[in-house]
């Protein structure tokens, strides 16, 4: 049994995680611990204040008791808004605190794109434009080319969590770019797992979504590979060998 730990702020799209656990269909356990949400706002400076050491530490204590092997900070914006170096510092601090391999959703997107061998990506974000721009900057720092960015300006995680299939598909189609090899949907407050097959079929390319890549990152840290076609191309393709 492999136990994966996730620190997730609030409750907007938490049900994506047990859904993923079911779709993995193997000896994988997904343990989710909720951290404080603070001000539920996508606008700055709220995302910068979300992943405080105190909040992460409190959540980590509860995860440690559950016997997890890896931990991922499951909040995209509260990672990338600190920039590449700041997000690395955050993950290092979490790893020291946890005493185990750690990462965050922001880095999961970069690692997942590398796994698929894609360099050119489009971004469809629920965030305001200034926050979305910081995500694009983070991706570029990770070696990716961002061909198109679409911002929806959703004001809060609660609002994003209320989106359904139609809204998610509309955002994806509006953000897609013919030159992009994959589309990224970065908000962990957005339900996407149930729509991955539809999204990839509609766009005819890999789609990487926040909760999907977060669990994949936990598996990567645990050195586990699981074939789960319902979770999209990321969970079905052979890894790319970097030369």
Protein backbone atom coordinates (compact mmCIF):
# COMPACT_ATOMS: atom_id res chain seq x y z
CA UNK A 1 0.00 0.00 0.00
CA UNK A 2 1.29 3.44 -0.97
CA UNK A 3 -0.11 6.35 1.06
CA UNK A 4 -0.04 9.81 -0.49
CA UNK A 5 -0.61 12.93 1.61
CA UNK A 6 -2.12 16.20 0.43
CA UNK A 7 -2.60 19.53 2.20
CA UNK A 8 -5.66 21.15 0.64
CA UNK A 9 -7.00 24.61 1.57
CA UNK A 10 -10.76 24.80 2.14
CA UNK A 11 -13.33 22.44 0.64
CA UNK A 12 -14.12 23.65 -2.90
CA UNK A 13 -13.19 20.60 -5.00
CA UNK A 14 -12.08 18.13 -2.34
CA UNK A 15 -14.24 15.37 -3.85
CA UNK A 16 -11.87 15.18 -6.83
CA UNK A 17 -9.44 13.30 -4.57
CA UNK A 18 -11.55 10.29 -3.55
CA UNK A 19 -12.66 10.13 -7.20
CA UNK A 20 -9.02 9.90 -8.28
CA UNK A 21 -8.34 7.27 -5.63
CA UNK A 22 -11.14 5.13 -7.06
CA UNK A 23 -9.90 5.57 -10.62
CA UNK A 24 -6.35 4.58 -9.73
CA UNK A 25 -7.72 1.12 -9.03
CA UNK A 26 -4.69 -0.19 -7.15
CA UNK A 27 -3.09 -0.19 -3.72
CA UNK A 28 -2.95 3.60 -3.54
CA UNK A 29 -4.40 5.54 -0.62
CA UNK A 30 -5.09 9.26 -0.93
CA UNK A 31 -5.10 11.11 2.41
CA UNK A 32 -6.39 14.67 2.30
CA UNK A 33 -6.02 17.12 5.18
CA UNK A 34 -7.64 20.55 4.98
CA UNK A 35 -5.72 23.67 5.89
CA UNK A 36 -7.19 27.06 6.71
CA UNK A 37 -8.42 29.07 3.74
CA UNK A 38 -8.13 32.53 5.26
CA UNK A 39 -9.67 35.09 2.93
CA UNK A 40 -11.36 33.19 0.11
CA UNK A 41 -10.15 35.37 -2.72
CA UNK A 42 -8.19 34.73 -5.90
CA UNK A 43 -6.99 38.31 -5.98
CA UNK A 44 -3.66 39.37 -4.54
CA UNK A 45 -2.41 39.40 -1.82
CA UNK A 46 -4.67 36.56 -0.55
CA UNK A 47 -2.81 33.70 -2.35
CA UNK A 48 0.51 34.88 -0.88
CA UNK A 49 -0.91 34.65 2.64
CA UNK A 50 -2.54 31.25 2.18
CA UNK A 51 0.34 28.82 2.61
CA UNK A 52 1.79 30.10 5.87
CA UNK A 53 4.22 27.91 7.79
CA UNK A 54 1.73 27.74 10.67
CA UNK A 55 -1.10 26.45 8.45
CA UNK A 56 1.10 23.92 6.69
CA UNK A 57 2.62 22.77 9.97
CA UNK A 58 -0.73 22.16 11.60
CA UNK A 59 -1.96 20.16 8.62
CA UNK A 60 1.28 18.20 8.42
CA UNK A 61 0.94 17.01 12.00
CA UNK A 62 -2.38 15.39 11.11
CA UNK A 63 -1.02 13.85 7.92
CA UNK A 64 2.02 12.41 9.69
CA UNK A 65 -0.25 10.49 12.05
CA UNK A 66 -1.92 8.83 9.05
CA UNK A 67 1.37 7.29 7.91
CA UNK A 68 1.73 8.95 4.50
CA UNK A 69 4.95 8.57 2.49
CA UNK A 70 4.88 11.80 0.48
CA UNK A 71 3.15 15.15 0.79
CA UNK A 72 2.03 17.69 -1.81
CA UNK A 73 0.79 21.23 -1.08
CA UNK A 74 -2.39 21.09 -3.14
CA UNK A 75 -2.82 24.77 -3.94
CA UNK A 76 -1.47 26.11 -7.20
CA UNK A 77 -1.72 29.85 -6.65
CA UNK A 78 -0.23 29.81 -3.14
CA UNK A 79 2.90 28.33 -4.69
CA UNK A 80 3.55 30.15 -7.95
CA UNK A 81 2.72 33.63 -6.61
CA UNK A 82 6.00 33.44 -4.67
CA UNK A 83 7.97 32.97 -7.89
CA UNK A 84 10.16 30.00 -8.79
CA UNK A 85 12.66 30.48 -5.96
CA UNK A 86 10.02 31.30 -3.38
CA UNK A 87 8.01 28.23 -4.33
CA UNK A 88 11.14 26.09 -4.02
CA UNK A 89 11.79 27.52 -0.57
CA UNK A 90 8.20 26.69 0.39
CA UNK A 91 8.56 23.07 -0.73
CA UNK A 92 11.92 22.67 1.01
CA UNK A 93 10.42 23.97 4.23
CA UNK A 94 7.51 21.56 3.87
CA UNK A 95 9.89 18.63 3.28
CA UNK A 96 11.87 19.50 6.42
CA UNK A 97 8.68 19.85 8.39
CA UNK A 98 7.27 16.58 7.06
CA UNK A 99 10.45 14.55 7.12
CA UNK A 100 9.51 13.07 3.75
CA UNK A 101 9.55 13.97 0.02
CA UNK A 102 7.39 17.04 -0.66
CA UNK A 103 6.25 19.16 -3.58
CA UNK A 104 3.42 21.47 -4.64
CA UNK A 105 0.84 21.68 -7.41
CA UNK A 106 2.77 24.48 -9.10
CA UNK A 107 5.81 22.25 -9.61
CA UNK A 108 3.53 19.32 -10.48
CA UNK A 109 2.43 21.15 -13.64
CA UNK A 110 6.02 21.63 -14.79
CA UNK A 111 6.99 18.05 -13.97
CA UNK A 112 3.87 16.67 -15.69
CA UNK A 113 4.54 18.67 -18.86
CA UNK A 114 8.10 17.32 -18.91
CA UNK A 115 6.73 13.78 -18.40
CA UNK A 116 4.59 14.19 -21.51
CA UNK A 117 7.46 15.71 -23.44
CA UNK A 118 5.59 18.94 -24.19
CA UNK A 119 7.20 22.39 -24.24
CA UNK A 120 4.44 24.63 -25.62
CA UNK A 121 1.37 25.00 -23.40
CA UNK A 122 -1.79 27.09 -23.24
CA UNK A 123 -3.32 28.18 -19.93
CA UNK A 124 -6.97 28.51 -19.01
CA UNK A 125 -7.26 29.96 -15.51
CA UNK A 126 -10.13 30.93 -13.27
CA UNK A 127 -7.87 33.59 -11.71
CA UNK A 128 -7.76 37.35 -12.37
CA UNK A 129 -5.36 38.41 -15.11
CA UNK A 130 -2.52 39.51 -12.80
CA UNK A 131 -2.51 36.18 -10.94
CA UNK A 132 -2.71 34.20 -14.19
CA UNK A 133 0.26 36.18 -15.50
CA UNK A 134 2.28 35.06 -12.48
CA UNK A 135 1.45 31.43 -13.30
CA UNK A 136 2.61 31.90 -16.89
CA UNK A 137 5.82 33.47 -15.58
CA UNK A 138 6.34 30.48 -13.28
CA UNK A 139 5.88 28.04 -16.17
CA UNK A 140 8.42 29.95 -18.26
CA UNK A 141 10.89 29.77 -15.37
CA UNK A 142 10.36 26.00 -15.53
CA UNK A 143 11.36 25.90 -19.18
CA UNK A 144 7.92 25.90 -20.81
CA UNK A 145 6.69 28.17 -23.60
CA UNK A 146 3.26 29.64 -22.91
CA UNK A 147 1.49 30.17 -26.23
CA UNK A 148 -1.79 31.55 -24.93
CA UNK A 149 -3.33 32.66 -21.63
CA UNK A 150 -7.02 32.98 -20.80
CA UNK A 151 -8.26 34.44 -17.50
CA UNK A 152 -11.84 34.11 -16.26
CA UNK A 153 -11.53 36.49 -13.32
CA UNK A 154 -13.39 34.24 -10.87
CA UNK A 155 -13.31 35.92 -7.50
CA UNK A 156 -13.04 33.01 -5.07
CA UNK A 157 -12.42 29.30 -4.61
CA UNK A 158 -16.06 28.82 -3.66
CA UNK A 159 -17.16 30.31 -6.98
CA UNK A 160 -14.69 28.14 -8.93
CA UNK A 161 -15.85 25.07 -7.02
CA UNK A 162 -19.43 25.65 -8.18
CA UNK A 163 -18.44 25.36 -11.85
CA UNK A 164 -19.66 22.30 -13.74
CA UNK A 165 -18.87 20.57 -17.00
CA UNK A 166 -20.17 23.33 -19.26
CA UNK A 167 -18.14 26.10 -17.61
CA UNK A 168 -14.94 24.03 -17.51
CA UNK A 169 -15.27 22.98 -21.15
CA UNK A 170 -16.01 26.56 -22.23
CA UNK A 171 -12.87 27.82 -20.47
CA UNK A 172 -10.75 25.05 -21.99
CA UNK A 173 -11.95 25.74 -25.53
CA UNK A 174 -11.45 29.49 -25.13
CA UNK A 175 -7.91 29.00 -23.80
CA UNK A 176 -6.75 26.41 -26.31
CA UNK A 177 -4.21 27.38 -28.93
CA UNK A 178 -3.33 25.49 -32.10
CA UNK A 179 0.37 25.88 -31.31
CA UNK A 180 0.05 24.43 -27.81
CA UNK A 181 0.93 20.78 -27.22
CA UNK A 182 -1.12 20.68 -24.01
CA UNK A 183 -3.67 22.77 -22.13
CA UNK A 184 -3.26 23.58 -18.42
CA UNK A 185 -6.14 24.36 -16.04
CA UNK A 186 -4.41 25.41 -12.81
CA UNK A 187 -7.02 25.90 -10.05
CA UNK A 188 -7.32 23.16 -7.36
CA UNK A 189 -10.70 24.66 -6.45
CA UNK A 190 -12.01 23.63 -9.87
CA UNK A 191 -13.68 20.23 -10.38
CA UNK A 192 -12.05 18.66 -13.44
CA UNK A 193 -11.45 14.95 -12.82
CA UNK A 194 -14.88 13.87 -14.07
CA UNK A 195 -14.33 15.79 -17.31
CA UNK A 196 -10.78 14.77 -18.27
CA UNK A 197 -11.85 12.36 -21.00
CA UNK A 198 -14.24 14.88 -22.50
CA UNK A 199 -11.65 17.67 -22.34
CA UNK A 200 -8.95 15.69 -24.10
CA UNK A 201 -11.36 14.38 -26.72
CA UNK A 202 -12.68 17.88 -27.40
CA UNK A 203 -9.23 19.48 -27.67
CA UNK A 204 -7.42 16.46 -29.18
CA UNK A 205 -4.42 17.00 -26.91
CA UNK A 206 -3.36 16.30 -23.32
CA UNK A 207 -5.09 18.38 -20.66
CA UNK A 208 -3.38 18.88 -17.31
CA UNK A 209 -5.58 19.96 -14.42
CA UNK A 210 -4.64 20.94 -10.89
CA UNK A 211 -6.02 18.05 -8.83
CA UNK A 212 -4.99 15.52 -11.48
CA UNK A 213 -1.33 16.63 -11.56
CA UNK A 214 -1.26 17.00 -7.77
CA UNK A 215 -1.99 13.30 -7.24
CA UNK A 216 0.35 12.35 -10.08
CA UNK A 217 3.08 14.37 -8.32
CA UNK A 218 2.50 12.43 -5.10
CA UNK A 219 2.90 9.20 -7.06
CA UNK A 220 6.06 10.53 -8.71
CA UNK A 221 7.57 11.33 -5.32
CA UNK A 222 6.73 7.80 -4.18
CA UNK A 223 8.27 6.35 -7.36
CA UNK A 224 4.96 4.77 -8.37
CA UNK A 225 3.50 4.58 -11.86
CA UNK A 226 -0.18 3.75 -12.29
CA UNK A 227 -2.01 3.23 -15.58
CA UNK A 228 -5.40 4.94 -15.28
CA UNK A 229 -6.80 5.99 -18.70
CA UNK A 230 -9.78 7.78 -17.12
CA UNK A 231 -7.29 10.27 -15.66
CA UNK A 232 -6.03 11.41 -19.05
CA UNK A 233 -2.88 11.14 -21.13
CA UNK A 234 -0.67 11.87 -18.12
CA UNK A 235 -1.66 8.51 -16.63
CA UNK A 236 -1.40 6.49 -19.82
CA UNK A 237 1.67 7.56 -21.76
CA UNK A 238 5.12 6.08 -21.34
CA UNK A 239 7.57 8.48 -19.67
CA UNK A 240 9.76 10.62 -21.91
CA UNK A 241 13.47 9.87 -21.55
CA UNK A 242 15.28 13.18 -21.21
CA UNK A 243 18.61 13.22 -23.10
